[in-house]
Every structure is written in structure tokens, then in C-alpha cells.
C-alpha atoms as a PDB file:
ATOM      1  CA  MET A   1     -24.289 -60.070  55.226  1.00  0.00           C
ATOM      2  CA  PRO A   2     -20.797 -60.975  53.994  1.00  0.00           C
ATOM      3  CA  ASN A   3     -20.885 -62.831  50.673  1.00  0.00           C
ATOM      4  CA  ASN A   4     -18.264 -65.281  51.919  1.00  0.00           C
ATOM      5  CA  THR A   5     -20.783 -66.671  54.441  1.00  0.00           C
ATOM      6  CA  ARG A   6     -22.758 -68.297  51.658  1.00  0.00           C
ATOM      7  CA  LEU A   7     -19.554 -69.470  50.007  1.00  0.00           C
ATOM      8  CA  PHE A   8     -18.502 -71.069  53.290  1.00  0.00           C
ATOM      9  CA  GLN A   9     -21.798 -72.958  53.520  1.00  0.00           C
ATOM     10  CA  GLU A  10     -21.566 -74.011  49.875  1.00  0.00           C
ATOM     11  CA  SER A  11     -18.093 -75.378  50.611  1.00  0.00           C
ATOM     12  CA  ILE A  12     -19.681 -77.934  52.968  1.00  0.00           C
ATOM     13  CA  THR A  13     -21.581 -79.367  50.013  1.00  0.00           C
ATOM     14  CA  GLN A  14     -18.407 -79.289  47.949  1.00  0.00           C
ATOM     15  CA  GLU A  15     -16.455 -81.084  50.669  1.00  0.00           C
ATOM     16  CA  LEU A  16     -19.034 -83.872  50.892  1.00  0.00           C
ATOM     17  CA  ASN A  17     -19.022 -84.283  47.120  1.00  0.00           C
ATOM     18  CA  ILE A  18     -15.224 -84.247  46.893  1.00  0.00           C
ATOM     19  CA  VAL A  19     -14.873 -87.028  49.460  1.00  0.00           C
ATOM     20  CA  LYS A  20     -17.772 -88.947  47.901  1.00  0.00           C
ATOM     21  CA  ASN A  21     -16.158 -88.804  44.457  1.00  0.00           C
ATOM     22  CA  ARG A  22     -12.749 -89.710  45.860  1.00  0.00           C
ATOM     23  CA  VAL A  23     -14.186 -92.885  47.378  1.00  0.00           C
ATOM     24  CA  ARG A  24     -16.288 -93.625  44.308  1.00  0.00           C
ATOM     25  CA  ASN A  25     -13.241 -93.352  42.053  1.00  0.00           C
ATOM     26  CA  LEU A  26     -11.449 -95.969  44.151  1.00  0.00           C
ATOM     27  CA  ILE A  27     -14.258 -98.507  44.509  1.00  0.00           C
ATOM     28  CA  SER A  28     -16.168 -97.852  41.245  1.00  0.00           C
ATOM     29  CA  ASP A  29     -19.783 -96.820  40.726  1.00  0.00           C
ATOM     30  CA  ALA A  30     -21.070-100.382  41.072  1.00  0.00           C
ATOM     31  CA  HIS A  31     -19.740-100.820  44.595  1.00  0.00           C
ATOM     32  CA  TRP A  32     -20.659 -97.259  45.621  1.00  0.00           C
ATOM     33  CA  GLY A  33     -24.350 -98.049  45.253  1.00  0.00           C
ATOM     34  CA  GLU A  34     -24.002-101.179  47.385  1.00  0.00           C
ATOM     35  CA  GLU A  35     -21.707-100.120  50.195  1.00  0.00           C
ATOM     36  CA  GLY A  36     -23.561 -98.082  52.801  1.00  0.00           C
ATOM     37  CA  ARG A  37     -20.790 -97.813  55.366  1.00  0.00           C
ATOM     38  CA  PHE A  38     -18.663 -95.508  53.223  1.00  0.00           C
ATOM     39  CA  LYS A  39     -21.531 -93.072  52.699  1.00  0.00           C
ATOM     40  CA  GLU A  40     -22.361 -93.012  56.384  1.00  0.00           C
ATOM     41  CA  ALA A  41     -18.703 -92.493  57.319  1.00  0.00           C
ATOM     42  CA  ILE A  42     -18.411 -89.488  55.003  1.00  0.00           C
ATOM     43  CA  LEU A  43     -21.412 -87.746  56.553  1.00  0.00           C
ATOM     44  CA  LYS A  44     -20.443 -88.710  60.107  1.00  0.00           C
ATOM     45  CA  ASN A  45     -17.026 -87.112  59.733  1.00  0.00           C
ATOM     46  CA  ILE A  46     -18.569 -83.849  58.554  1.00  0.00           C
ATOM     47  CA  LEU A  47     -21.111 -83.825  61.392  1.00  0.00           C
ATOM     48  CA  ARG A  48     -18.410 -84.334  64.020  1.00  0.00           C
ATOM     49  CA  LYS A  49     -16.736 -81.126  62.854  1.00  0.00           C
ATOM     50  CA  PHE A  50     -19.805 -79.024  63.608  1.00  0.00           C
ATOM     51  CA  LEU A  51     -21.606 -80.625  66.557  1.00  0.00           C
ATOM     52  CA  PRO A  52     -20.800 -79.465  70.114  1.00  0.00           C
ATOM     53  CA  SER A  53     -18.673 -81.663  72.375  1.00  0.00           C
ATOM     54  CA  ASN A  54     -21.662 -82.981  74.352  1.00  0.00           C
ATOM     55  CA  LEU A  55     -23.095 -84.619  71.232  1.00  0.00           C
ATOM     56  CA  SER A  56     -21.586 -87.723  69.651  1.00  0.00           C
ATOM     57  CA  VAL A  57     -22.261 -89.481  66.364  1.00  0.00           C
ATOM     58  CA  GLY A  58     -22.696 -93.235  66.170  1.00  0.00           C
ATOM     59  CA  THR A  59     -24.589 -96.065  64.538  1.00  0.00           C
ATOM     60  CA  GLY A  60     -26.672 -98.774  66.156  1.00  0.00           C
ATOM     61  CA  PHE A  61     -29.981 -99.433  67.866  1.00  0.00           C
ATOM     62  CA  ILE A  62     -32.484 -97.768  70.158  1.00  0.00           C
ATOM     63  CA  LEU A  63     -33.928-100.072  72.825  1.00  0.00           C
ATOM     64  CA  LYS A  64     -37.260 -99.636  74.587  1.00  0.00           C
ATOM     65  CA  ALA A  65     -38.134-101.600  77.721  1.00  0.00           C
ATOM     66  CA  THR A  66     -41.903-102.074  77.726  1.00  0.00           C
ATOM     67  CA  GLY A  67     -42.361-104.774  80.355  1.00  0.00           C
ATOM     68  CA  ASN A  68     -40.784-106.923  83.028  1.00  0.00           C
ATOM     69  CA  ASN A  69     -38.830-109.295  80.780  1.00  0.00           C
ATOM     70  CA  ASP A  70     -36.629-109.236  77.703  1.00  0.00           C
ATOM     71  CA  ASN A  71     -39.360-110.664  75.473  1.00  0.00           C
ATOM     72  CA  GLU A  72     -41.355-107.476  75.910  1.00  0.00           C
ATOM     73  CA  ASN A  73     -38.506-105.143  74.949  1.00  0.00           C
ATOM     74  CA  ARG A  74     -38.665-103.359  71.606  1.00  0.00           C
ATOM     75  CA  LEU A  75     -35.707-102.602  69.364  1.00  0.00           C
ATOM     76  CA  SER A  76     -35.358-100.275  66.405  1.00  0.00           C
ATOM     77  CA  ASN A  77     -33.796-101.466  63.181  1.00  0.00           C
ATOM     78  CA  GLN A  78     -30.115-100.624  62.922  1.00  0.00           C
ATOM     79  CA  LEU A  79     -29.937 -96.880  62.309  1.00  0.00           C
ATOM     80  CA  ASP A  80     -27.321 -95.422  59.971  1.00  0.00           C
ATOM     81  CA  ILE A  81     -26.555 -92.417  62.166  1.00  0.00           C
ATOM     82  CA  ILE A  82     -27.589 -91.660  65.736  1.00  0.00           C
ATOM     83  CA  ILE A  83     -26.754 -88.296  67.305  1.00  0.00           C
ATOM     84  CA  TYR A  84     -26.840 -88.688  71.066  1.00  0.00           C
ATOM     85  CA  ASP A  85     -26.127 -86.791  74.274  1.00  0.00           C
ATOM     86  CA  ASN A  86     -22.872 -88.270  75.570  1.00  0.00           C
ATOM     87  CA  THR A  87     -23.410 -86.833  79.059  1.00  0.00           C
ATOM     88  CA  LEU A  88     -25.958 -89.620  79.595  1.00  0.00           C
ATOM     89  CA  PRO A  89     -24.864 -93.260  79.821  1.00  0.00           C
ATOM     90  CA  LEU A  90     -25.270 -95.702  76.947  1.00  0.00           C
ATOM     91  CA  LEU A  91     -26.434 -99.277  77.366  1.00  0.00           C
ATOM     92  CA  PHE A  92     -23.535-100.483  75.200  1.00  0.00           C
ATOM     93  CA  SER A  93     -20.810 -98.995  73.018  1.00  0.00           C
ATOM     94  CA  GLU A  94     -17.943-100.383  70.972  1.00  0.00           C
ATOM     95  CA  GLY A  95     -16.197 -97.881  68.737  1.00  0.00           C
ATOM     96  CA  ASP A  96     -18.988 -95.825  67.217  1.00  0.00           C
ATOM     97  CA  PHE A  97     -21.508 -98.686  67.502  1.00  0.00           C
ATOM     98  CA  ILE A  98     -24.023 -98.024  70.265  1.00  0.00           C
ATOM     99  CA  ILE A  99     -27.184 -99.336  71.875  1.00  0.00           C
ATOM    100  CA  THR A 100     -29.146 -96.786  73.871  1.00  0.00           C
ATOM    101  CA  THR A 101     -32.618 -95.789  75.002  1.00  0.00           C
ATOM    102  CA  HIS A 102     -34.487 -92.914  73.385  1.00  0.00           C
ATOM    103  CA  SER A 103     -33.837 -90.601  76.346  1.00  0.00           C
ATOM    104  CA  ASN A 104     -30.446 -89.422  75.073  1.00  0.00           C
ATOM    105  CA  VAL A 105     -31.181 -89.575  71.340  1.00  0.00           C
ATOM    106  CA  ARG A 106     -31.134 -86.128  69.742  1.00  0.00           C
ATOM    107  CA  GLY A 107     -31.208 -87.131  66.095  1.00  0.00           C
ATOM    108  CA  ILE A 108     -31.351 -90.027  63.642  1.00  0.00           C
ATOM    109  CA  ILE A 109     -30.400 -89.999  59.975  1.00  0.00           C
ATOM    110  CA  GLU A 110     -30.915 -92.475  57.140  1.00  0.00           C
ATOM    111  CA  VAL A 111     -28.180 -92.137  54.508  1.00  0.00           C
ATOM    112  CA  LYS A 112     -28.697 -93.043  50.852  1.00  0.00           C
ATOM    113  CA  SER A 113     -26.357 -92.833  47.882  1.00  0.00           C
ATOM    114  CA  LYS A 114     -29.235 -91.908  45.573  1.00  0.00           C
ATOM    115  CA  ILE A 115     -32.991 -91.402  45.782  1.00  0.00           C
ATOM    116  CA  THR A 116     -35.302 -91.177  42.780  1.00  0.00           C
ATOM    117  CA  THR A 117     -38.928 -90.141  42.537  1.00  0.00           C
ATOM    118  CA  THR A 118     -39.719 -93.845  42.146  1.00  0.00           C
ATOM    119  CA  THR A 119     -37.835 -94.979  45.269  1.00  0.00           C
ATOM    120  CA  PHE A 120     -38.771 -91.990  47.447  1.00  0.00           C
ATOM    121  CA  LYS A 121     -41.865 -93.642  48.928  1.00  0.00           C
ATOM    122  CA  SER A 122     -40.034 -96.842  49.897  1.00  0.00           C
ATOM    123  CA  VAL A 123     -37.273 -94.813  51.575  1.00  0.00           C
ATOM    124  CA  ILE A 124     -39.843 -92.938  53.674  1.00  0.00           C
ATOM    125  CA  GLU A 125     -41.583 -96.203  54.587  1.00  0.00           C
ATOM    126  CA  GLN A 126     -38.262 -97.808  55.509  1.00  0.00           C
ATOM    127  CA  PHE A 127     -37.464 -94.890  57.800  1.00  0.00           C
ATOM    128  CA  ASP A 128     -40.867 -95.075  59.516  1.00  0.00           C
ATOM    129  CA  ASN A 129     -40.592 -98.849  59.935  1.00  0.00           C
ATOM    130  CA  SER A 130     -37.098 -98.612  61.423  1.00  0.00           C
ATOM    131  CA  ILE A 131     -38.438 -96.729  64.451  1.00  0.00           C
ATOM    132  CA  GLU A 132     -42.047 -97.948  64.512  1.00  0.00           C
ATOM    133  CA  HIS A 133     -41.884 -98.796  68.242  1.00  0.00           C
ATOM    134  CA  PHE A 134     -40.732 -95.260  69.056  1.00  0.00           C
ATOM    135  CA  ILE A 135     -43.187 -93.199  67.026  1.00  0.00           C
ATOM    136  CA  PRO A 136     -45.209 -92.141  70.127  1.00  0.00           C
ATOM    137  CA  GLU A 137     -42.002 -90.800  71.709  1.00  0.00           C
ATOM    138  CA  PHE A 138     -41.134 -88.873  68.556  1.00  0.00           C
ATOM    139  CA  LYS A 139     -44.610 -87.351  68.383  1.00  0.00           C
ATOM    140  CA  ARG A 140     -44.989 -86.543  72.064  1.00  0.00           C
ATOM    141  CA  VAL A 141     -45.862 -82.856  72.308  1.00  0.00           C
ATOM    142  CA  ASN A 142     -43.889 -82.055  75.451  1.00  0.00           C
ATOM    143  CA  ARG A 143     -40.773 -83.966  74.393  1.00  0.00           C
ATOM    144  CA  LYS A 144     -37.693 -82.159  73.161  1.00  0.00           C
ATOM    145  CA  LYS A 145     -37.717 -82.207  69.363  1.00  0.00           C
ATOM    146  CA  ILE A 146     -35.640 -84.907  67.690  1.00  0.00           C
ATOM    147  CA  PHE A 147     -33.972 -84.342  64.345  1.00  0.00           C
ATOM    148  CA  ALA A 148     -35.216 -87.069  61.995  1.00  0.00           C
ATOM    149  CA  GLY A 149     -33.532 -86.808  58.623  1.00  0.00           C
ATOM    150  CA  ILE A 150     -33.007 -88.561  55.322  1.00  0.00           C
ATOM    151  CA  PHE A 151     -29.822 -87.617  53.483  1.00  0.00           C
ATOM    152  CA  ALA A 152     -29.264 -88.584  49.837  1.00  0.00           C
ATOM    153  CA  PHE A 153     -26.005 -87.724  48.108  1.00  0.00           C
ATOM    154  CA  GLU A 154     -27.814 -87.698  44.758  1.00  0.00           C
ATOM    155  CA  PHE A 155     -31.372 -87.227  43.492  1.00  0.00           C
ATOM    156  CA  SER A 156     -32.795 -88.259  40.143  1.00  0.00           C
ATOM    157  CA  GLY A 157     -36.188 -87.254  38.826  1.00  0.00           C
ATOM    158  CA  ASN A 158     -38.607 -84.368  39.018  1.00  0.00           C
ATOM    159  CA  ILE A 159     -38.775 -82.686  42.426  1.00  0.00           C
ATOM    160  CA  GLU A 160     -42.332 -81.624  41.482  1.00  0.00           C
ATOM    161  CA  SER A 161     -43.453 -85.260  41.134  1.00  0.00           C
ATOM    162  CA  VAL A 162     -46.754 -86.161  42.786  1.00  0.00           C
ATOM    163  CA  ASN A 163     -44.981 -89.298  44.066  1.00  0.00           C
ATOM    164  CA  ILE A 164     -43.153 -87.124  46.584  1.00  0.00           C
ATOM    165  CA  ASP A 165     -46.372 -85.465  47.741  1.00  0.00           C
ATOM    166  CA  ASN A 166     -48.195 -88.771  48.142  1.00  0.00           C
ATOM    167  CA  ALA A 167     -45.314 -90.440  49.973  1.00  0.00           C
ATOM    168  CA  LEU A 168     -45.120 -87.639  52.542  1.00  0.00           C
ATOM    169  CA  LYS A 169     -48.896 -87.516  52.990  1.00  0.00           C
ATOM    170  CA  ASP A 170     -49.008 -91.287  53.571  1.00  0.00           C
ATOM    171  CA  SER A 171     -46.072 -91.284  55.991  1.00  0.00           C
ATOM    172  CA  GLN A 172     -46.027 -91.157  59.790  1.00  0.00           C
ATOM    173  CA  LYS A 173     -44.819 -87.526  59.526  1.00  0.00           C
ATOM    174  CA  ILE A 174     -41.767 -88.407  61.613  1.00  0.00           C
ATOM    175  CA  VAL A 175     -39.158 -87.329  59.057  1.00  0.00           C
ATOM    176  CA  ASN A 176     -38.641 -83.598  59.477  1.00  0.00           C
ATOM    177  CA  HIS A 177     -35.690 -82.866  57.173  1.00  0.00           C
ATOM    178  CA  ILE A 178     -34.770 -84.377  53.802  1.00  0.00           C
ATOM    179  CA  SER A 179     -31.780 -83.521  51.629  1.00  0.00           C
ATOM    180  CA  LEU A 180     -32.114 -84.765  48.050  1.00  0.00           C
ATOM    181  CA  GLY A 181     -28.807 -84.112  46.354  1.00  0.00           C
ATOM    182  CA  THR A 182     -27.067 -80.763  46.425  1.00  0.00           C
ATOM    183  CA  ASN A 183     -30.065 -78.589  45.501  1.00  0.00           C
ATOM    184  CA  ASN A 184     -33.312 -80.025  46.907  1.00  0.00           C
ATOM    185  CA  PHE A 185     -34.371 -79.688  50.535  1.00  0.00           C
ATOM    186  CA  ILE A 186     -37.631 -80.634  52.287  1.00  0.00           C
ATOM    187  CA  LYS A 187     -38.609 -79.479  55.769  1.00  0.00           C
ATOM    188  CA  PHE A 188     -41.568 -80.421  57.985  1.00  0.00           C
ATOM    189  CA  TRP A 189     -43.477 -77.629  59.701  1.00  0.00           C
ATOM    190  CA  LYS A 190     -46.130 -77.749  62.400  1.00  0.00           C
ATOM    191  CA  ASN A 191     -49.237 -75.768  61.549  1.00  0.00           C
ATOM    192  CA  ALA A 192     -48.722 -73.758  64.735  1.00  0.00           C
ATOM    193  CA  ASP A 193     -45.386 -72.510  63.366  1.00  0.00           C
ATOM    194  CA  LYS A 194     -46.583 -71.308  59.965  1.00  0.00           C
ATOM    195  CA  ASN A 195     -46.775 -67.694  61.137  1.00  0.00           C
ATOM    196  CA  LYS A 196     -43.007 -67.779  61.635  1.00  0.00           C
ATOM    197  CA  LEU A 197     -42.549 -67.949  57.873  1.00  0.00           C
ATOM    198  CA  THR A 198     -41.992 -64.661  56.069  1.00  0.00           C
ATOM    199  CA  ILE A 199     -44.014 -65.860  53.074  1.00  0.00           C
ATOM    200  CA  PRO A 200     -47.492 -67.167  54.066  1.00  0.00           C
ATOM    201  CA  VAL A 201     -48.522 -70.801  53.713  1.00  0.00           C
ATOM    202  CA  ASN A 202     -52.117 -71.620  52.825  1.00  0.00           C
ATOM    203  CA  CYS A 203     -52.544 -74.740  54.970  1.00  0.00           C
ATOM    204  CA  ASN A 204     -54.820 -75.596  57.876  1.00  0.00           C
ATOM    205  CA  SER A 205     -52.674 -78.537  58.911  1.00  0.00           C
ATOM    206  CA  ASP A 206     -49.057 -79.528  59.379  1.00  0.00           C
ATOM    207  CA  PHE A 207     -47.115 -79.333  56.137  1.00  0.00           C
ATOM    208  CA  TYR A 208     -43.868 -79.951  54.283  1.00  0.00           C
ATOM    209  CA  ASN A 209     -42.148 -77.192  52.331  1.00  0.00           C
ATOM    210  CA  VAL A 210     -40.065 -78.162  49.316  1.00  0.00           C
ATOM    211  CA  TYR A 211     -37.147 -75.835  48.569  1.00  0.00           C
ATOM    212  CA  THR A 212     -34.684 -75.483  45.724  1.00  0.00           C
ATOM    213  CA  LEU A 213     -31.451 -74.321  47.369  1.00  0.00           C
ATOM    214  CA  GLU A 214     -28.667 -74.239  44.820  1.00  0.00           C
ATOM    215  CA  ASN A 215     -25.559 -75.871  46.322  1.00  0.00           C
ATOM    216  CA  LEU A 216     -26.977 -75.421  49.843  1.00  0.00           C
ATOM    217  CA  SER A 217     -29.152 -78.467  50.483  1.00  0.00           C
ATOM    218  CA  PHE A 218     -26.438 -80.336  52.416  1.00  0.00           C
ATOM    219  CA  SER A 219     -25.519 -77.214  54.373  1.00  0.00           C
ATOM    220  CA  TYR A 220     -29.114 -76.442  55.379  1.00  0.00           C
ATOM    221  CA  PHE A 221     -29.607 -80.068  56.417  1.00  0.00           C
ATOM    222  CA  ILE A 222     -26.603 -79.835  58.752  1.00  0.00           C
ATOM    223  CA  SER A 223     -27.509 -76.342  60.002  1.00  0.00           C
ATOM    224  CA  ASN A 224     -31.024 -77.495  60.913  1.00  0.00           C
ATOM    225  CA  LEU A 225     -29.522 -80.498  62.686  1.00  0.00           C
ATOM    226  CA  ILE A 226     -27.300 -78.213  64.766  1.00  0.00           C
ATOM    227  CA  ASP A 227     -30.181 -75.848  65.489  1.00  0.00           C
ATOM    228  CA  ILE A 228     -32.492 -78.626  66.720  1.00  0.00           C
ATOM    229  CA  THR A 229     -29.937 -80.634  68.684  1.00  0.00           C
ATOM    230  CA  SER A 230     -28.131 -77.668  70.222  1.00  0.00           C
ATOM    231  CA  GLY A 231     -30.695 -74.856  70.342  1.00  0.00           C
ATOM    232  CA  GLY A 232     -30.174 -71.303  71.509  1.00  0.00           C
ATOM    233  CA  LEU A 233     -28.148 -70.327  68.455  1.00  0.00           C
ATOM    234  CA  LYS A 234     -30.336 -67.529  67.104  1.00  0.00           C
ATOM    235  CA  ASP A 235     -27.420 -65.093  67.159  1.00  0.00           C
ATOM    236  CA  ARG A 236     -25.737 -67.054  64.367  1.00  0.00           C
ATOM    237  CA  TYR A 237     -28.686 -67.653  62.048  1.00  0.00           C
ATOM    238  CA  TRP A 238     -27.047 -65.285  59.552  1.00  0.00           C
ATOM    239  CA  PHE A 239     -24.139 -67.728  59.397  1.00  0.00           C
ATOM    240  CA  SER A 240     -26.011 -71.043  59.420  1.00  0.00           C
ATOM    241  CA  PHE A 241     -28.730 -69.973  56.973  1.00  0.00           C
ATOM    242  CA  PRO A 242     -26.991 -67.564  54.580  1.00  0.00           C
ATOM    243  CA  ILE A 243     -29.610 -67.010  51.866  1.00  0.00           C
ATOM    244  CA  GLU A 244     -30.243 -63.270  51.645  1.00  0.00           C
ATOM    245  CA  GLY A 245     -33.679 -62.466  53.069  1.00  0.00           C
ATOM    246  CA  THR A 246     -34.984 -65.974  53.701  1.00  0.00           C
ATOM    247  CA  LYS A 247     -34.935 -69.431  52.179  1.00  0.00           C
ATOM    248  CA  GLU A 248     -38.713 -69.050  51.701  1.00  0.00           C
ATOM    249  CA  ILE A 249     -38.038 -67.140  48.479  1.00  0.00           C
ATOM    250  CA  ASN A 250     -36.699 -70.473  47.203  1.00  0.00           C
ATOM    251  CA  ARG A 251     -39.787 -72.419  48.259  1.00  0.00           C
ATOM    252  CA  GLN A 252     -40.817 -74.581  45.351  1.00  0.00           C
ATOM    253  CA  ARG A 253     -44.158 -75.643  46.832  1.00  0.00           C
ATOM    254  CA  THR A 254     -46.015 -76.603  50.008  1.00  0.00           C
ATOM    255  CA  ILE A 255     -47.453 -80.060  50.708  1.00  0.00           C
ATOM    256  CA  CYS A 256     -50.392 -79.741  53.109  1.00  0.00           C
ATOM    257  CA  LEU A 257     -50.961 -82.865  55.210  1.00  0.00           C
ATOM    258  CA  GLU A 258     -54.735 -82.554  55.495  1.00  0.00           C
END
């Protein structure tokens, strides 16, 4: 495998950090922590460069009609990033703000400037609560998989903290990809898929794997997003996932959800 493939993927992380720091230098650290729109815009612009033309990136709400009148409709919280199939009609759009039903949603992402081991649980709970009316759709076995991610530009704390384990065990298990700063990456696996891993997992249930991927967390987050939302890209795995051998050699631990 060409060495420059990994360097290319690392450059995605570098690009995100360069733009992040450029904005932070202009608005100061105090405002960076408060202003979510800048962080979302940075990630959106990167995603648009890699997603196929049939997928668009927006922000807004998912609407679910559950009855015969408006009072019985259910609405998500406003979602930082929605990746949707633009070949299907939206209910409403203005700029990149959209309202749509779950049928054309291919991914949702919560964006944070920083997550710590102390705030990790509340971030997971916030994500679950934002789509609580749509959890059955996300878990439906025969439904096309939706990318459900949490992206944090920075992480502070010990990635081995039991707080992370407990938060994931107590969650709705909807989040399937988490990027915690440039080096830490968490991925949800179904128990039925554990035999696909080159290094065995000793779980009898679904599980999360925690990985330490130096300078590749952002890249693997985006590559998994492309893989899930686009599919059929096995001939370019060497490019999207450039760690020699497998990322499993960088598995820090497994969190069994028994």
C-alpha cells in the first residue's frame, strides 16, 4: 500500500484543525466554545467534498406523521448535520436548512467543540433524546443502516475511563460512530458482525470497540460515513482505511453491551 495514502487521510484531520484554529484565532477561545454554527460549517464543508452528488448536507429537523392531525406529529430536536438523499423530495428547504421525513435520511451528526470524560454521558443522552421519536426506525432490522455519529474536535480526559463504558452501556445504542479529537475513535458493532474482525472479540452481545488511531480519527469517521451512506465501495477500502493490516491492531478495548 502506498505510504502517501495514509498521509492523504491524515491531511483531512490536518485540514479540519487548520480551519478550526483559523476561526478560533479570529473569534477567541471563549466564543469558540459557545458558537456551534462555526464548528458545524467546518465539518459540513469537508463532508461535501467527499460525498457523492446524490447526497446533500444540511441542518434541521426530521418529522414523523403518526396520526391524522398535526397534534399527533412528532419532530426531532434540531440536528446539527443531516445527510440526506437529494433524489427524494424534502418537506421544506431554505439554504441548507431542511425539514424532512426519515425516509431520505442517510446520516445524522452531533458536532461538539470538546468532549470530556465528565461530559461524555450527557452528550450521548442528548443525542438519544434528539431523535427519541425515531429510535424504532433507526433500530429496524430490515431498514438501510443510518450513520449516527458524534464528532468532537477535541477530547480531554482518559479514553480508558469507566464513564465512557457506562455511558455507552446505558445508551439507546443508536450512536454508531464517535470521533473524540484527532486520535480516539469509537465504533458500534452488531454481535452478528464480530466474525468480520481480524482480531477476535470476546462478547456475546453487540459491542463498541474503542480505537486509538493517531491522526486518523477524523478521517475514519468520514470514511465510515461514506461507506455506510454510499455502500459498494469495497474496492477502495485500501484508500479509505489506510492502516496497514487493520485498524483492529489499534483497538484499545471492547465494551460489551450485555
